[in-house]
Amino acid sequence: MQNPDDPPQPADIPGADEPVGSPETLMEEAAGRIRALEAEATEFKDKWMRAEAETQNVRARARRDVEDARNFAVQRFARDVVEVVETLERAIASLPASDAEEPPVLAKMREGIEATQRMFLSSLERNGVSRIEAQGARFDPKLHQAMAEAPSPTVPAGHVAQAWTPGWTLNGRLLKPAMVVVSTGGAPPSGDQPPSGGTVDTTA
């Protein structure tokens, strides 16, 4: 009878009688297990990288959406202010030319309108809105809106012969195109009347 304090004998250990594989077999099994673990690690890493990339894309899209919403609100407001500036400019142009003998009330009116226009222009400039002078420039469909075309002895064909309104940009992006008349070059034949207007190919 075996004493309980005696160490277990080989026959008493489960699996002790099972044959042990050769070192080559054990190494091959271990190598296979390592390859399987490496494959799982690579798969997990690939999934993690894809998830991280998708998270970054979502964040970037969210930032763009917020920025676009902010820019849209600013653009709408800036466009309204630009309309006010152009209205003031037309009001100044409709006044008689300044004269030393003009009534004081007219001089005060001119000064008030001009001061108001300067104030609006200064505010626009501080907020990234810039004015584009189109007169004489080469027609650019990205900046100009052609309202008509007409011959001009002084302006080359394809250039702006007359700018009805200036163009405006907001932080380098077009806010409002300049409305222009595009020169067809040369004067009309003698006796012919210049065309009163017409559209031009704005994609040229």
Protein backbone atom coordinates (compact mmCIF):
# COMPACT_ATOMS: atom_id res chain seq x y z
CA MET A 1 0.00 0.00 0.00
CA GLN A 2 1.34 3.42 -1.07
CA ASN A 3 1.87 6.05 1.55
CA PRO A 4 -0.03 9.25 0.72
CA ASP A 5 3.12 11.24 1.42
CA ASP A 6 5.12 9.33 -1.19
CA PRO A 7 5.70 11.11 -4.57
CA PRO A 8 3.42 9.96 -7.40
CA GLN A 9 4.69 7.21 -9.58
CA PRO A 10 4.70 7.47 -13.39
CA ALA A 11 1.85 5.03 -13.60
CA ASP A 12 -0.26 7.36 -11.44
CA ILE A 13 0.20 10.49 -13.73
CA PRO A 14 -2.50 10.90 -16.47
CA GLY A 15 -1.01 10.58 -19.94
CA ALA A 16 2.28 9.32 -18.63
CA ASP A 17 1.94 6.21 -20.73
CA GLU A 18 1.24 8.19 -23.96
CA PRO A 19 4.15 8.25 -26.41
CA VAL A 20 6.04 11.55 -26.67
CA GLY A 21 6.66 12.87 -30.16
CA SER A 22 10.09 13.39 -31.58
CA PRO A 23 11.78 16.80 -31.21
CA GLU A 24 11.26 17.43 -34.94
CA THR A 25 7.54 16.82 -34.57
CA LEU A 26 7.30 19.10 -31.55
CA MET A 27 9.21 21.85 -33.35
CA GLU A 28 6.97 21.56 -36.40
CA GLU A 29 3.84 21.76 -34.24
CA ALA A 30 5.24 24.77 -32.40
CA ALA A 31 6.18 26.45 -35.68
CA GLY A 32 2.70 25.84 -37.04
CA ARG A 33 1.14 27.32 -33.95
CA ILE A 34 3.42 30.36 -34.21
CA ARG A 35 2.44 30.83 -37.86
CA ALA A 36 -1.24 30.63 -36.93
CA LEU A 37 -0.78 33.21 -34.18
CA GLU A 38 1.14 35.49 -36.53
CA ALA A 39 -1.65 35.21 -39.10
CA GLU A 40 -4.23 36.10 -36.44
CA ALA A 41 -2.11 39.05 -35.30
CA THR A 42 -1.78 40.28 -38.89
CA GLU A 43 -5.53 39.97 -39.39
CA PHE A 44 -6.27 41.87 -36.18
CA LYS A 45 -3.74 44.56 -37.14
CA ASP A 46 -5.32 44.93 -40.58
CA LYS A 47 -8.80 45.26 -39.05
CA TRP A 48 -7.51 47.81 -36.55
CA MET A 49 -5.83 49.88 -39.28
CA ARG A 50 -8.99 49.82 -41.39
CA ALA A 51 -11.08 50.90 -38.41
CA GLU A 52 -8.60 53.67 -37.58
CA ALA A 53 -8.61 54.89 -41.19
CA GLU A 54 -12.40 54.92 -41.25
CA THR A 55 -12.45 56.85 -37.98
CA GLN A 56 -10.07 59.44 -39.44
CA ASN A 57 -12.25 59.72 -42.55
CA VAL A 58 -15.35 60.26 -40.44
CA ARG A 59 -13.58 62.97 -38.45
CA ALA A 60 -12.36 64.65 -41.64
CA ARG A 61 -15.84 64.56 -43.16
CA ALA A 62 -17.30 66.03 -39.99
CA ARG A 63 -14.75 68.85 -40.02
CA ARG A 64 -15.50 69.56 -43.68
CA ASP A 65 -19.24 69.59 -43.03
CA VAL A 66 -18.82 72.04 -40.16
CA GLU A 67 -16.48 74.22 -42.23
CA ASP A 68 -18.83 74.16 -45.23
CA ALA A 69 -21.77 75.11 -43.04
CA ARG A 70 -19.78 77.99 -41.53
CA ASN A 71 -18.55 79.17 -44.94
CA PHE A 72 -22.05 79.00 -46.41
CA ALA A 73 -23.39 81.23 -43.66
CA VAL A 74 -20.48 83.67 -44.09
CA GLN A 75 -20.81 83.67 -47.88
CA ARG A 76 -24.51 84.48 -47.73
CA PHE A 77 -23.90 87.36 -45.32
CA ALA A 78 -20.89 88.65 -47.31
CA ARG A 79 -22.89 88.54 -50.54
CA ASP A 80 -25.62 90.64 -48.92
CA VAL A 81 -23.05 93.22 -47.76
CA VAL A 82 -21.53 93.30 -51.25
CA GLU A 83 -24.98 94.12 -52.65
CA VAL A 84 -25.17 97.07 -50.25
CA VAL A 85 -21.72 98.31 -51.33
CA GLU A 86 -22.68 98.12 -55.02
CA THR A 87 -25.94 99.94 -54.33
CA LEU A 88 -24.03 102.72 -52.57
CA GLU A 89 -21.63 102.89 -55.51
CA ARG A 90 -24.53 103.30 -57.94
CA ALA A 91 -25.99 105.99 -55.70
CA ILE A 92 -22.70 107.92 -55.77
CA ALA A 93 -22.48 107.58 -59.55
CA SER A 94 -26.02 108.95 -59.95
CA LEU A 95 -25.15 112.19 -58.12
CA PRO A 96 -24.03 115.25 -60.11
CA ALA A 97 -20.31 115.82 -60.37
CA SER A 98 -18.83 117.59 -57.39
CA ASP A 99 -18.78 121.34 -57.82
CA ALA A 100 -17.64 124.16 -55.58
CA GLU A 101 -20.99 125.89 -56.01
CA GLU A 102 -23.16 122.85 -55.35
CA PRO A 103 -25.67 123.11 -52.51
CA PRO A 104 -24.23 122.15 -49.12
CA VAL A 105 -26.92 119.54 -48.63
CA LEU A 106 -25.77 117.73 -51.79
CA ALA A 107 -22.14 117.82 -50.68
CA LYS A 108 -23.09 116.44 -47.27
CA MET A 109 -25.15 113.70 -48.92
CA ARG A 110 -22.22 112.69 -51.13
CA GLU A 111 -19.83 112.68 -48.20
CA GLY A 112 -22.21 110.57 -46.12
CA ILE A 113 -22.73 107.96 -48.84
CA GLU A 114 -19.01 107.75 -49.59
CA ALA A 115 -18.16 107.37 -45.89
CA THR A 116 -20.74 104.61 -45.54
CA GLN A 117 -19.35 102.80 -48.58
CA ARG A 118 -15.80 103.03 -47.23
CA MET A 119 -16.96 101.61 -43.91
CA PHE A 120 -18.57 98.61 -45.59
CA LEU A 121 -15.54 98.05 -47.84
CA SER A 122 -13.21 98.13 -44.84
CA SER A 123 -15.39 95.61 -43.02
CA LEU A 124 -15.38 93.30 -46.04
CA GLU A 125 -11.60 93.48 -46.38
CA ARG A 126 -11.11 92.63 -42.70
CA ASN A 127 -13.20 89.51 -43.21
CA GLY A 128 -11.37 88.24 -46.30
CA VAL A 129 -13.61 89.70 -49.01
CA SER A 130 -11.67 91.20 -51.94
CA ARG A 131 -12.86 93.18 -54.93
CA ILE A 132 -11.92 92.13 -58.49
CA GLU A 133 -11.67 94.88 -61.08
CA ALA A 134 -12.54 93.31 -64.42
CA GLN A 135 -12.20 96.26 -66.79
CA GLY A 136 -9.64 95.46 -69.52
CA ALA A 137 -8.84 91.99 -68.12
CA ARG A 138 -8.91 88.84 -70.24
CA PHE A 139 -12.30 87.20 -69.96
CA ASP A 140 -12.21 84.42 -67.38
CA PRO A 141 -15.39 82.34 -66.98
CA LYS A 142 -14.27 81.48 -63.46
CA LEU A 143 -14.38 85.15 -62.43
CA HIS A 144 -16.58 86.90 -65.00
CA GLN A 145 -20.17 86.51 -66.14
CA ALA A 146 -20.56 87.63 -69.74
CA MET A 147 -23.73 89.65 -70.20
CA ALA A 148 -23.06 90.78 -73.77
CA GLU A 149 -20.36 91.15 -76.40
CA ALA A 150 -19.50 94.23 -78.44
CA PRO A 151 -16.77 95.48 -80.79
CA SER A 152 -14.15 97.80 -79.33
CA PRO A 153 -11.35 99.65 -81.12
CA THR A 154 -9.30 99.85 -77.93
CA VAL A 155 -9.93 96.54 -76.16
CA PRO A 156 -8.59 93.30 -77.68
CA ALA A 157 -11.01 90.53 -78.51
CA GLY A 158 -11.72 88.20 -75.61
CA HIS A 159 -11.07 90.94 -73.05
CA VAL A 160 -13.54 92.85 -70.89
CA ALA A 161 -14.65 95.98 -72.72
CA GLN A 162 -16.95 97.12 -69.94
CA ALA A 163 -17.55 95.94 -66.39
CA TRP A 164 -21.09 96.51 -65.20
CA THR A 165 -20.28 95.29 -61.70
CA PRO A 166 -17.01 94.22 -60.05
CA GLY A 167 -16.29 90.66 -58.98
CA TRP A 168 -15.78 89.59 -55.38
CA THR A 169 -13.88 86.76 -53.70
CA LEU A 170 -14.05 85.42 -50.15
CA ASN A 171 -10.72 84.07 -48.89
CA GLY A 172 -9.64 83.39 -52.45
CA ARG A 173 -12.90 81.68 -53.48
CA LEU A 174 -15.35 83.31 -55.88
CA LEU A 175 -18.18 85.02 -54.02
CA LYS A 176 -19.82 86.89 -56.88
CA PRO A 177 -18.69 87.08 -60.53
CA ALA A 178 -18.19 90.37 -62.30
CA MET A 179 -20.90 91.14 -64.85
CA VAL A 180 -19.11 92.22 -68.01
CA VAL A 181 -19.33 93.03 -71.71
CA VAL A 182 -16.73 91.11 -73.72
CA SER A 183 -14.93 92.76 -76.63
CA THR A 184 -15.03 91.16 -80.07
CA GLY A 185 -12.19 93.45 -81.16
CA GLY A 186 -12.11 96.11 -83.92
CA ALA A 187 -14.70 98.73 -84.67
CA PRO A 188 -17.90 97.82 -86.58
CA PRO A 189 -17.97 98.62 -90.34
CA SER A 190 -18.85 102.20 -91.23
CA GLY A 191 -22.56 102.80 -91.08
CA ASP A 192 -23.26 99.70 -89.01
CA GLN A 193 -24.60 100.03 -85.54
CA PRO A 194 -22.76 98.15 -82.80
CA PRO A 195 -24.74 95.24 -81.39
CA SER A 196 -26.74 96.13 -78.35
CA GLY A 197 -25.82 92.91 -76.66
CA GLY A 198 -25.82 89.17 -76.84
CA THR A 199 -24.38 86.22 -75.05
CA VAL A 200 -20.92 84.81 -75.49
CA ASP A 201 -19.50 81.38 -74.86
CA THR A 202 -18.53 81.56 -71.19
CA THR A 203 -16.63 78.29 -71.47
CA ALA A 204 -14.08 79.68 -73.92
